[in-house]
Amino acid sequence: MELSWQDFQKVDMRVGTILEVVDFPEARKPAYQLRIDFGSIGIKKTSAQITHRYSIHELVGKQVIAVVNFPKKQIANFMSECLVLGVVGDDHDVILLQPSTTAKNGDRVG
């Protein structure tokens, strides 16, 4: 299915910096809870199934790309406010999308 340019413009993808990462044992699959700073948009929470590739310590301070205009979603006992984007391999291992150079938190991807 093709998207129109107008459809694509509805997707609000922004750069943010991960401030905090904690284990999320209540999730069905191994995951972390993340707090991400999106600059003028504010700090948003999400969960991410990225425990296989990334440790908590290496994620803090990392910039990522996320969709910030999805409706909030309940995941176990946690309310997710954005969707961090990544490349999903055949083994379901996720590689996070991130800018190749430091960008300003909240900058729009387009």
PDB file of N, CA and C in Angstrom:
ATOM      1  N   MET A   1       0.836  -1.166   0.000  1.00  0.00           N
ATOM      2  CA  MET A   1       0.000   0.000   0.000  1.00  0.00           C
ATOM      3  C   MET A   1       0.891   1.242   0.000  1.00  0.00           C
ATOM      4  N   GLU A   2       0.620   2.146  -0.895  1.00  0.00           N
ATOM      5  CA  GLU A   2       1.370   3.391  -0.969  1.00  0.00           C
ATOM      6  C   GLU A   2       0.780   4.444  -0.045  1.00  0.00           C
ATOM      7  N   LEU A   3       1.664   5.263   0.506  1.00  0.00           N
ATOM      8  CA  LEU A   3       1.243   6.408   1.317  1.00  0.00           C
ATOM      9  C   LEU A   3       1.310   7.664   0.459  1.00  0.00           C
ATOM     10  N   SER A   4       0.400   8.555   0.692  1.00  0.00           N
ATOM     11  CA  SER A   4       0.499   9.851   0.037  1.00  0.00           C
ATOM     12  C   SER A   4       1.448  10.722   0.861  1.00  0.00           C
ATOM     13  N   TRP A   5       1.913  11.804   0.265  1.00  0.00           N
ATOM     14  CA  TRP A   5       2.758  12.746   0.998  1.00  0.00           C
ATOM     15  C   TRP A   5       2.004  13.291   2.204  1.00  0.00           C
ATOM     16  N   GLN A   6       0.709  13.523   2.043  1.00  0.00           N
ATOM     17  CA  GLN A   6      -0.114  14.029   3.145  1.00  0.00           C
ATOM     18  C   GLN A   6      -0.165  13.028   4.292  1.00  0.00           C
ATOM     19  N   ASP A   7      -0.234  11.726   3.972  1.00  0.00           N
ATOM     20  CA  ASP A   7      -0.209  10.697   5.021  1.00  0.00           C
ATOM     21  C   ASP A   7       1.118  10.742   5.779  1.00  0.00           C
ATOM     22  N   PHE A   8       2.214  10.822   5.043  1.00  0.00           N
ATOM     23  CA  PHE A   8       3.543  10.838   5.662  1.00  0.00           C
ATOM     24  C   PHE A   8       3.700  12.049   6.575  1.00  0.00           C
ATOM     25  N   GLN A   9       3.162  13.194   6.173  1.00  0.00           N
ATOM     26  CA  GLN A   9       3.297  14.404   6.977  1.00  0.00           C
ATOM     27  C   GLN A   9       2.580  14.302   8.322  1.00  0.00           C
ATOM     28  N   LYS A  10       1.666  13.370   8.454  1.00  0.00           N
ATOM     29  CA  LYS A  10       0.959  13.179   9.721  1.00  0.00           C
ATOM     30  C   LYS A  10       1.831  12.489  10.762  1.00  0.00           C
ATOM     31  N   VAL A  11       2.871  11.772  10.318  1.00  0.00           N
ATOM     32  CA  VAL A  11       3.749  11.045  11.231  1.00  0.00           C
ATOM     33  C   VAL A  11       4.786  12.024  11.773  1.00  0.00           C
ATOM     34  N   ASP A  12       4.761  12.249  13.087  1.00  0.00           N
ATOM     35  CA  ASP A  12       5.663  13.197  13.724  1.00  0.00           C
ATOM     36  C   ASP A  12       6.826  12.438  14.349  1.00  0.00           C
ATOM     37  N   MET A  13       7.951  12.385  13.635  1.00  0.00           N
ATOM     38  CA  MET A  13       9.149  11.703  14.110  1.00  0.00           C
ATOM     39  C   MET A  13      10.128  12.755  14.603  1.00  0.00           C
ATOM     40  N   ARG A  14      10.649  12.540  15.807  1.00  0.00           N
ATOM     41  CA  ARG A  14      11.543  13.518  16.433  1.00  0.00           C
ATOM     42  C   ARG A  14      12.787  12.844  16.997  1.00  0.00           C
ATOM     43  N   VAL A  15      13.827  13.648  17.169  1.00  0.00           N
ATOM     44  CA  VAL A  15      15.064  13.214  17.823  1.00  0.00           C
ATOM     45  C   VAL A  15      14.929  13.480  19.313  1.00  0.00           C
ATOM     46  N   GLY A  16      15.345  12.502  20.105  1.00  0.00           N
ATOM     47  CA  GLY A  16      15.342  12.674  21.551  1.00  0.00           C
ATOM     48  C   GLY A  16      16.535  11.983  22.179  1.00  0.00           C
ATOM     49  N   THR A  17      16.865  12.392  23.387  1.00  0.00           N
ATOM     50  CA  THR A  17      17.970  11.787  24.131  1.00  0.00           C
ATOM     51  C   THR A  17      17.412  10.982  25.293  1.00  0.00           C
ATOM     52  N   ILE A  18      17.868   9.755  25.416  1.00  0.00           N
ATOM     53  CA  ILE A  18      17.422   8.882  26.505  1.00  0.00           C
ATOM     54  C   ILE A  18      18.019   9.381  27.823  1.00  0.00           C
ATOM     55  N   LEU A  19      17.139   9.689  28.767  1.00  0.00           N
ATOM     56  CA  LEU A  19      17.560  10.195  30.079  1.00  0.00           C
ATOM     57  C   LEU A  19      17.681   9.095  31.118  1.00  0.00           C
ATOM     58  N   GLU A  20      16.771   8.126  31.046  1.00  0.00           N
ATOM     59  CA  GLU A  20      16.697   7.100  32.093  1.00  0.00           C
ATOM     60  C   GLU A  20      16.215   5.788  31.478  1.00  0.00           C
ATOM     61  N   VAL A  21      16.775   4.692  31.965  1.00  0.00           N
ATOM     62  CA  VAL A  21      16.405   3.349  31.508  1.00  0.00           C
ATOM     63  C   VAL A  21      16.284   2.455  32.729  1.00  0.00           C
ATOM     64  N   VAL A  22      15.165   1.736  32.823  1.00  0.00           N
ATOM     65  CA  VAL A  22      14.982   0.757  33.899  1.00  0.00           C
ATOM     66  C   VAL A  22      14.423  -0.533  33.309  1.00  0.00           C
ATOM     67  N   ASP A  23      14.707  -1.627  33.975  1.00  0.00           N
ATOM     68  CA  ASP A  23      14.142  -2.912  33.559  1.00  0.00           C
ATOM     69  C   ASP A  23      12.621  -2.859  33.652  1.00  0.00           C
ATOM     70  N   PHE A  24      11.959  -3.655  32.822  1.00  0.00           N
ATOM     71  CA  PHE A  24      10.496  -3.703  32.778  1.00  0.00           C
ATOM     72  C   PHE A  24      10.065  -5.167  32.901  1.00  0.00           C
ATOM     73  N   PRO A  25      10.155  -5.727  34.120  1.00  0.00           N
ATOM     74  CA  PRO A  25       9.873  -7.155  34.306  1.00  0.00           C
ATOM     75  C   PRO A  25       8.417  -7.539  34.055  1.00  0.00           C
ATOM     76  N   GLU A  26       7.497  -6.572  34.096  1.00  0.00           N
ATOM     77  CA  GLU A  26       6.082  -6.877  33.875  1.00  0.00           C
ATOM     78  C   GLU A  26       5.743  -7.071  32.387  1.00  0.00           C
ATOM     79  N   ALA A  27       6.624  -6.671  31.496  1.00  0.00           N
ATOM     80  CA  ALA A  27       6.381  -6.837  30.052  1.00  0.00           C
ATOM     81  C   ALA A  27       6.409  -8.319  29.686  1.00  0.00           C
ATOM     82  N   ARG A  28       5.614  -8.682  28.668  1.00  0.00           N
ATOM     83  CA  ARG A  28       5.569 -10.085  28.216  1.00  0.00           C
ATOM     84  C   ARG A  28       6.905 -10.556  27.679  1.00  0.00           C
ATOM     85  N   LYS A  29       7.564  -9.694  26.901  1.00  0.00           N
ATOM     86  CA  LYS A  29       8.889 -10.010  26.359  1.00  0.00           C
ATOM     87  C   LYS A  29       9.889  -9.083  27.039  1.00  0.00           C
ATOM     88  N   PRO A  30      11.152  -9.503  27.163  1.00  0.00           N
ATOM     89  CA  PRO A  30      12.144  -8.666  27.840  1.00  0.00           C
ATOM     90  C   PRO A  30      12.172  -7.254  27.249  1.00  0.00           C
ATOM     91  N   ALA A  31      12.091  -6.247  28.119  1.00  0.00           N
ATOM     92  CA  ALA A  31      12.028  -4.858  27.665  1.00  0.00           C
ATOM     93  C   ALA A  31      12.571  -3.931  28.741  1.00  0.00           C
ATOM     94  N   TYR A  32      12.837  -2.703  28.308  1.00  0.00           N
ATOM     95  CA  TYR A  32      13.191  -1.614  29.207  1.00  0.00           C
ATOM     96  C   TYR A  32      12.092  -0.557  29.160  1.00  0.00           C
ATOM     97  N   GLN A  33      12.003   0.223  30.228  1.00  0.00           N
ATOM     98  CA  GLN A  33      11.213   1.455  30.224  1.00  0.00           C
ATOM     99  C   GLN A  33      12.203   2.601  30.025  1.00  0.00           C
ATOM    100  N   LEU A  34      11.887   3.498  29.096  1.00  0.00           N
ATOM    101  CA  LEU A  34      12.765   4.612  28.772  1.00  0.00           C
ATOM    102  C   LEU A  34      12.077   5.942  29.048  1.00  0.00           C
ATOM    103  N   ARG A  35      12.833   6.921  29.512  1.00  0.00           N
ATOM    104  CA  ARG A  35      12.394   8.325  29.567  1.00  0.00           C
ATOM    105  C   ARG A  35      13.271   9.072  28.587  1.00  0.00           C
ATOM    106  N   ILE A  36      12.626   9.769  27.625  1.00  0.00           N
ATOM    107  CA  ILE A  36      13.350  10.409  26.526  1.00  0.00           C
ATOM    108  C   ILE A  36      13.027  11.894  26.493  1.00  0.00           C
ATOM    109  N   ASP A  37      14.069  12.717  26.392  1.00  0.00           N
ATOM    110  CA  ASP A  37      13.919  14.175  26.320  1.00  0.00           C
ATOM    111  C   ASP A  37      13.787  14.592  24.857  1.00  0.00           C
ATOM    112  N   PHE A  38      12.610  15.159  24.511  1.00  0.00           N
ATOM    113  CA  PHE A  38      12.363  15.650  23.155  1.00  0.00           C
ATOM    114  C   PHE A  38      12.361  17.178  23.110  1.00  0.00           C
ATOM    115  N   GLY A  39      13.153  17.814  23.938  1.00  0.00           N
ATOM    116  CA  GLY A  39      13.292  19.268  23.908  1.00  0.00           C
ATOM    117  C   GLY A  39      11.980  19.966  24.200  1.00  0.00           C
ATOM    118  N   SER A  40      11.554  20.826  23.276  1.00  0.00           N
ATOM    119  CA  SER A  40      10.354  21.646  23.492  1.00  0.00           C
ATOM    120  C   SER A  40       9.080  20.814  23.602  1.00  0.00           C
ATOM    121  N   ILE A  41       9.102  19.577  23.126  1.00  0.00           N
ATOM    122  CA  ILE A  41       7.930  18.687  23.225  1.00  0.00           C
ATOM    123  C   ILE A  41       7.818  18.108  24.635  1.00  0.00           C
ATOM    124  N   GLY A  42       8.934  18.050  25.334  1.00  0.00           N
ATOM    125  CA  GLY A  42       8.946  17.534  26.695  1.00  0.00           C
ATOM    126  C   GLY A  42       9.546  16.145  26.787  1.00  0.00           C
ATOM    127  N   ILE A  43       9.399  15.546  27.948  1.00  0.00           N
ATOM    128  CA  ILE A  43       9.917  14.209  28.217  1.00  0.00           C
ATOM    129  C   ILE A  43       8.776  13.216  28.049  1.00  0.00           C
ATOM    130  N   LYS A  44       9.052  12.152  27.292  1.00  0.00           N
ATOM    131  CA  LYS A  44       8.041  11.115  27.056  1.00  0.00           C
ATOM    132  C   LYS A  44       8.601   9.772  27.494  1.00  0.00           C
ATOM    133  N   LYS A  45       7.676   8.887  27.885  1.00  0.00           N
ATOM    134  CA  LYS A  45       8.037   7.539  28.324  1.00  0.00           C
ATOM    135  C   LYS A  45       7.655   6.537  27.242  1.00  0.00           C
ATOM    136  N   THR A  46       8.408   5.456  27.188  1.00  0.00           N
ATOM    137  CA  THR A  46       8.069   4.353  26.288  1.00  0.00           C
ATOM    138  C   THR A  46       8.722   3.085  26.811  1.00  0.00           C
ATOM    139  N   SER A  47       8.297   1.966  26.256  1.00  0.00           N
ATOM    140  CA  SER A  47       8.997   0.711  26.532  1.00  0.00           C
ATOM    141  C   SER A  47       9.589   0.225  25.215  1.00  0.00           C
ATOM    142  N   ALA A  48      10.670  -0.507  25.320  1.00  0.00           N
ATOM    143  CA  ALA A  48      11.346  -0.986  24.116  1.00  0.00           C
ATOM    144  C   ALA A  48      11.948  -2.360  24.368  1.00  0.00           C
ATOM    145  N   GLN A  49      11.727  -3.262  23.419  1.00  0.00           N
ATOM    146  CA  GLN A  49      12.265  -4.620  23.503  1.00  0.00           C
ATOM    147  C   GLN A  49      13.659  -4.634  22.871  1.00  0.00           C
ATOM    148  N   ILE A  50      14.597  -4.036  23.579  1.00  0.00           N
ATOM    149  CA  ILE A  50      15.956  -3.878  23.058  1.00  0.00           C
ATOM    150  C   ILE A  50      17.003  -4.420  24.029  1.00  0.00           C
ATOM    151  N   THR A  51      16.573  -5.304  24.937  1.00  0.00           N
ATOM    152  CA  THR A  51      17.471  -5.801  25.982  1.00  0.00           C
ATOM    153  C   THR A  51      18.548  -6.730  25.429  1.00  0.00           C
ATOM    154  N   HIS A  52      18.304  -7.359  24.292  1.00  0.00           N
ATOM    155  CA  HIS A  52      19.272  -8.298  23.717  1.00  0.00           C
ATOM    156  C   HIS A  52      20.523  -7.581  23.239  1.00  0.00           C
ATOM    157  N   ARG A  53      20.347  -6.430  22.619  1.00  0.00           N
ATOM    158  CA  ARG A  53      21.466  -5.714  22.000  1.00  0.00           C
ATOM    159  C   ARG A  53      22.069  -4.630  22.897  1.00  0.00           C
ATOM    160  N   TYR A  54      21.253  -4.011  23.753  1.00  0.00           N
ATOM    161  CA  TYR A  54      21.704  -2.835  24.500  1.00  0.00           C
ATOM    162  C   TYR A  54      21.617  -3.055  26.010  1.00  0.00           C
ATOM    163  N   SER A  55      22.625  -2.555  26.726  1.00  0.00           N
ATOM    164  CA  SER A  55      22.581  -2.562  28.192  1.00  0.00           C
ATOM    165  C   SER A  55      21.989  -1.237  28.656  1.00  0.00           C
ATOM    166  N   ILE A  56      21.508  -1.214  29.870  1.00  0.00           N
ATOM    167  CA  ILE A  56      20.951   0.010  30.444  1.00  0.00           C
ATOM    168  C   ILE A  56      21.971   1.143  30.376  1.00  0.00           C
ATOM    169  N   HIS A  57      23.209   0.865  30.745  1.00  0.00           N
ATOM    170  CA  HIS A  57      24.230   1.910  30.849  1.00  0.00           C
ATOM    171  C   HIS A  57      24.599   2.506  29.495  1.00  0.00           C
ATOM    172  N   GLU A  58      24.598   1.710  28.432  1.00  0.00           N
ATOM    173  CA  GLU A  58      24.977   2.272  27.133  1.00  0.00           C
ATOM    174  C   GLU A  58      23.835   3.054  26.483  1.00  0.00           C
ATOM    175  N   LEU A  59      22.602   2.882  26.968  1.00  0.00           N
ATOM    176  CA  LEU A  59      21.470   3.602  26.396  1.00  0.00           C
ATOM    177  C   LEU A  59      21.333   5.022  26.930  1.00  0.00           C
ATOM    178  N   VAL A  60      21.680   5.229  28.179  1.00  0.00           N
ATOM    179  CA  VAL A  60      21.549   6.565  28.778  1.00  0.00           C
ATOM    180  C   VAL A  60      22.464   7.529  28.027  1.00  0.00           C
ATOM    181  N   GLY A  61      21.876   8.629  27.537  1.00  0.00           N
ATOM    182  CA  GLY A  61      22.618   9.623  26.775  1.00  0.00           C
ATOM    183  C   GLY A  61      22.582   9.409  25.269  1.00  0.00           C
ATOM    184  N   LYS A  62      22.080   8.265  24.823  1.00  0.00           N
ATOM    185  CA  LYS A  62      22.009   7.962  23.390  1.00  0.00           C
ATOM    186  C   LYS A  62      20.834   8.705  22.763  1.00  0.00           C
ATOM    187  N   GLN A  63      21.065   9.281  21.584  1.00  0.00           N
ATOM    188  CA  GLN A  63      19.968   9.898  20.846  1.00  0.00           C
ATOM    189  C   GLN A  63      19.274   8.844  19.996  1.00  0.00           C
ATOM    190  N   VAL A  64      17.943   8.964  19.904  1.00  0.00           N
ATOM    191  CA  VAL A  64      17.130   8.029  19.143  1.00  0.00           C
ATOM    192  C   VAL A  64      16.088   8.808  18.339  1.00  0.00           C
ATOM    193  N   ILE A  65      15.449   8.105  17.428  1.00  0.00           N
ATOM    194  CA  ILE A  65      14.345   8.650  16.642  1.00  0.00           C
ATOM    195  C   ILE A  65      13.070   7.966  17.127  1.00  0.00           C
ATOM    196  N   ALA A  66      12.014   8.743  17.324  1.00  0.00           N
ATOM    197  CA  ALA A  66      10.749   8.172  17.790  1.00  0.00           C
ATOM    198  C   ALA A  66       9.568   8.887  17.146  1.00  0.00           C
ATOM    199  N   VAL A  67       8.470   8.144  17.003  1.00  0.00           N
ATOM    200  CA  VAL A  67       7.196   8.737  16.599  1.00  0.00           C
ATOM    201  C   VAL A  67       6.551   9.242  17.885  1.00  0.00           C
ATOM    202  N   VAL A  68       6.212  10.538  17.908  1.00  0.00           N
ATOM    203  CA  VAL A  68       5.725  11.141  19.147  1.00  0.00           C
ATOM    204  C   VAL A  68       4.238  11.488  19.110  1.00  0.00           C
ATOM    205  N   ASN A  69       3.542  11.164  18.018  1.00  0.00           N
ATOM    206  CA  ASN A  69       2.126  11.541  17.952  1.00  0.00           C
ATOM    207  C   ASN A  69       1.178  10.343  17.844  1.00  0.00           C
ATOM    208  N   PHE A  70       1.607   9.195  18.319  1.00  0.00           N
ATOM    209  CA  PHE A  70       0.675   8.079  18.492  1.00  0.00           C
ATOM    210  C   PHE A  70      -0.125   8.316  19.766  1.00  0.00           C
ATOM    211  N   PRO A  71      -1.336   7.754  19.864  1.00  0.00           N
ATOM    212  CA  PRO A  71      -2.039   7.829  21.146  1.00  0.00           C
ATOM    213  C   PRO A  71      -1.282   7.012  22.200  1.00  0.00           C
ATOM    214  N   LYS A  72      -1.441   7.388  23.461  1.00  0.00           N
ATOM    215  CA  LYS A  72      -0.813   6.625  24.546  1.00  0.00           C
ATOM    216  C   LYS A  72      -1.311   5.185  24.501  1.00  0.00           C
ATOM    217  N   LYS A  73      -0.417   4.254  24.902  1.00  0.00           N
ATOM    218  CA  LYS A  73      -0.757   2.832  24.859  1.00  0.00           C
ATOM    219  C   LYS A  73      -0.358   2.174  26.175  1.00  0.00           C
ATOM    220  N   GLN A  74      -1.311   1.445  26.758  1.00  0.00           N
ATOM    221  CA  GLN A  74      -1.053   0.714  28.008  1.00  0.00           C
ATOM    222  C   GLN A  74      -0.279  -0.555  27.686  1.00  0.00           C
ATOM    223  N   ILE A  75       0.878  -0.732  28.322  1.00  0.00           N
ATOM    224  CA  ILE A  75       1.681  -1.944  28.191  1.00  0.00           C
ATOM    225  C   ILE A  75       1.924  -2.442  29.607  1.00  0.00           C
ATOM    226  N   ALA A  76       1.257  -3.535  29.954  1.00  0.00           N
ATOM    227  CA  ALA A  76       1.264  -4.046  31.336  1.00  0.00           C
ATOM    228  C   ALA A  76       0.815  -2.912  32.258  1.00  0.00           C
ATOM    229  N   ASN A  77       1.633  -2.550  33.243  1.00  0.00           N
ATOM    230  CA  ASN A  77       1.263  -1.500  34.192  1.00  0.00           C
ATOM    231  C   ASN A  77       1.888  -0.146  33.835  1.00  0.00           C
ATOM    232  N   PHE A  78       2.222   0.046  32.566  1.00  0.00           N
ATOM    233  CA  PHE A  78       2.996   1.200  32.107  1.00  0.00           C
ATOM    234  C   PHE A  78       2.293   1.859  30.924  1.00  0.00           C
ATOM    235  N   MET A  79       2.290   3.200  30.883  1.00  0.00           N
ATOM    236  CA  MET A  79       1.674   3.931  29.782  1.00  0.00           C
ATOM    237  C   MET A  79       2.770   4.447  28.846  1.00  0.00           C
ATOM    238  N   SER A  80       2.802   3.911  27.624  1.00  0.00           N
ATOM    239  CA  SER A  80       3.781   4.320  26.623  1.00  0.00           C
ATOM    240  C   SER A  80       3.272   5.548  25.879  1.00  0.00           C
ATOM    241  N   GLU A  81       4.154   6.543  25.683  1.00  0.00           N
ATOM    242  CA  GLU A  81       3.760   7.814  25.075  1.00  0.00           C
ATOM    243  C   GLU A  81       4.389   8.074  23.707  1.00  0.00           C
ATOM    244  N   CYS A  82       5.285   7.208  23.266  1.00  0.00           N
ATOM    245  CA  CYS A  82       5.915   7.367  21.957  1.00  0.00           C
ATOM    246  C   CYS A  82       6.418   6.002  21.499  1.00  0.00           C
ATOM    247  N   LEU A  83       6.883   5.936  20.256  1.00  0.00           N
ATOM    248  CA  LEU A  83       7.396   4.680  19.700  1.00  0.00           C
ATOM    249  C   LEU A  83       8.810   4.914  19.183  1.00  0.00           C
ATOM    250  N   VAL A  84       9.791   4.311  19.846  1.00  0.00           N
ATOM    251  CA  VAL A  84      11.175   4.401  19.404  1.00  0.00           C
ATOM    252  C   VAL A  84      11.327   3.526  18.160  1.00  0.00           C
ATOM    253  N   LEU A  85      12.026   4.054  17.150  1.00  0.00           N
ATOM    254  CA  LEU A  85      12.162   3.338  15.885  1.00  0.00           C
ATOM    255  C   LEU A  85      13.474   2.575  15.816  1.00  0.00           C
ATOM    256  N   GLY A  86      13.407   1.416  15.169  1.00  0.00           N
ATOM    257  CA  GLY A  86      14.595   0.600  14.987  1.00  0.00           C
ATOM    258  C   GLY A  86      14.425  -0.351  13.831  1.00  0.00           C
ATOM    259  N   VAL A  87      15.531  -0.929  13.423  1.00  0.00           N
ATOM    260  CA  VAL A  87      15.551  -1.934  12.378  1.00  0.00           C
ATOM    261  C   VAL A  87      15.377  -3.287  13.048  1.00  0.00           C
ATOM    262  N   VAL A  88      14.403  -4.072  12.569  1.00  0.00           N
ATOM    263  CA  VAL A  88      14.128  -5.377  13.160  1.00  0.00           C
ATOM    264  C   VAL A  88      14.682  -6.457  12.231  1.00  0.00           C
ATOM    265  N   GLY A  89      15.659  -7.219  12.738  1.00  0.00           N
ATOM    266  CA  GLY A  89      16.266  -8.286  11.949  1.00  0.00           C
ATOM    267  C   GLY A  89      15.447  -9.556  11.992  1.00  0.00           C
ATOM    268  N   ASP A  90      15.904 -10.560  11.245  1.00  0.00           N
ATOM    269  CA  ASP A  90      15.210 -11.851  11.175  1.00  0.00           C
ATOM    270  C   ASP A  90      15.042 -12.496  12.542  1.00  0.00           C
ATOM    271  N   ASP A  91      15.989 -12.264  13.438  1.00  0.00           N
ATOM    272  CA  ASP A  91      15.938 -12.861  14.779  1.00  0.00           C
ATOM    273  C   ASP A  91      15.213 -11.950  15.770  1.00  0.00           C
ATOM    274  N   HIS A  92      14.519 -10.907  15.264  1.00  0.00           N
ATOM    275  CA  HIS A  92      13.771  -9.936  16.071  1.00  0.00           C
ATOM    276  C   HIS A  92      14.665  -9.078  16.949  1.00  0.00           C
ATOM    277  N   ASP A  93      15.959  -9.069  16.645  1.00  0.00           N
ATOM    278  CA  ASP A  93      16.896  -8.188  17.332  1.00  0.00           C
ATOM    279  C   ASP A  93      16.714  -6.784  16.752  1.00  0.00           C
ATOM    280  N   VAL A  94      16.580  -5.770  17.610  1.00  0.00           N
ATOM    281  CA  VAL A  94      16.296  -4.409  17.171  1.00  0.00           C
ATOM    282  C   VAL A  94      17.558  -3.553  17.249  1.00  0.00           C
ATOM    283  N   ILE A  95      17.857  -2.850  16.151  1.00  0.00           N
ATOM    284  CA  ILE A  95      18.945  -1.883  16.097  1.00  0.00           C
ATOM    285  C   ILE A  95      18.291  -0.509  16.054  1.00  0.00           C
ATOM    286  N   LEU A  96      18.537   0.305  17.060  1.00  0.00           N
ATOM    287  CA  LEU A  96      17.899   1.618  17.154  1.00  0.00           C
ATOM    288  C   LEU A  96      18.329   2.547  16.028  1.00  0.00           C
ATOM    289  N   LEU A  97      17.357   3.321  15.504  1.00  0.00           N
ATOM    290  CA  LEU A  97      17.676   4.372  14.544  1.00  0.00           C
ATOM    291  C   LEU A  97      18.128   5.593  15.331  1.00  0.00           C
ATOM    292  N   GLN A  98      19.198   6.228  14.862  1.00  0.00           N
ATOM    293  CA  GLN A  98      19.703   7.404  15.553  1.00  0.00           C
ATOM    294  C   GLN A  98      20.423   8.301  14.552  1.00  0.00           C
ATOM    295  N   PRO A  99      20.501   9.603  14.854  1.00  0.00           N
ATOM    296  CA  PRO A  99      21.228  10.501  13.958  1.00  0.00           C
ATOM    297  C   PRO A  99      22.719  10.152  13.962  1.00  0.00           C
ATOM    298  N   SER A 100      23.378  10.378  12.832  1.00  0.00           N
ATOM    299  CA  SER A 100      24.810  10.074  12.746  1.00  0.00           C
ATOM    300  C   SER A 100      25.659  11.138  13.436  1.00  0.00           C
ATOM    301  N   THR A 101      25.069  12.301  13.695  1.00  0.00           N
ATOM    302  CA  THR A 101      25.712  13.400  14.404  1.00  0.00           C
ATOM    303  C   THR A 101      24.718  13.907  15.443  1.00  0.00           C
ATOM    304  N   THR A 102      25.201  14.442  16.539  1.00  0.00           N
ATOM    305  CA  THR A 102      24.305  14.950  17.579  1.00  0.00           C
ATOM    306  C   THR A 102      23.363  16.000  16.993  1.00  0.00           C
ATOM    307  N   ALA A 103      22.089  15.835  17.277  1.00  0.00           N
ATOM    308  CA  ALA A 103      21.060  16.762  16.822  1.00  0.00           C
ATOM    309  C   ALA A 103      20.383  17.398  18.045  1.00  0.00           C
ATOM    310  N   LYS A 104      19.647  18.438  17.808  1.00  0.00           N
ATOM    311  CA  LYS A 104      18.928  19.105  18.903  1.00  0.00           C
ATOM    312  C   LYS A 104      17.705  18.276  19.269  1.00  0.00           C
ATOM    313  N   ASN A 105      17.522  18.019  20.563  1.00  0.00           N
ATOM    314  CA  ASN A 105      16.360  17.286  21.015  1.00  0.00           C
ATOM    315  C   ASN A 105      15.092  17.982  20.527  1.00  0.00           C
ATOM    316  N   GLY A 106      14.179  17.200  19.963  1.00  0.00           N
ATOM    317  CA  GLY A 106      12.932  17.746  19.455  1.00  0.00           C
ATOM    318  C   GLY A 106      12.973  18.045  17.966  1.00  0.00           C
ATOM    319  N   ASP A 107      14.162  18.029  17.353  1.00  0.00           N
ATOM    320  CA  ASP A 107      14.223  18.263  15.908  1.00  0.00           C
ATOM    321  C   ASP A 107      13.377  17.221  15.182  1.00  0.00           C
ATOM    322  N   ARG A 108      12.680  17.679  14.158  1.00  0.00           N
ATOM    323  CA  ARG A 108      11.776  16.826  13.398  1.00  0.00           C
ATOM    324  C   ARG A 108      12.536  16.052  12.321  1.00  0.00           C
ATOM    325  N   VAL A 109      12.159  14.807  12.124  1.00  0.00           N
ATOM    326  CA  VAL A 109      12.707  13.983  11.061  1.00  0.00           C
ATOM    327  C   VAL A 109      11.785  14.110   9.859  1.00  0.00           C
ATOM    328  N   GLY A 110      12.352  14.348   8.699  1.00  0.00           N
ATOM    329  CA  GLY A 110      11.500  14.520   7.524  1.00  0.00           C
ATOM    330  C   GLY A 110      12.234  14.249   6.255  1.00  0.00           C
TER     331      GLY A 110
END
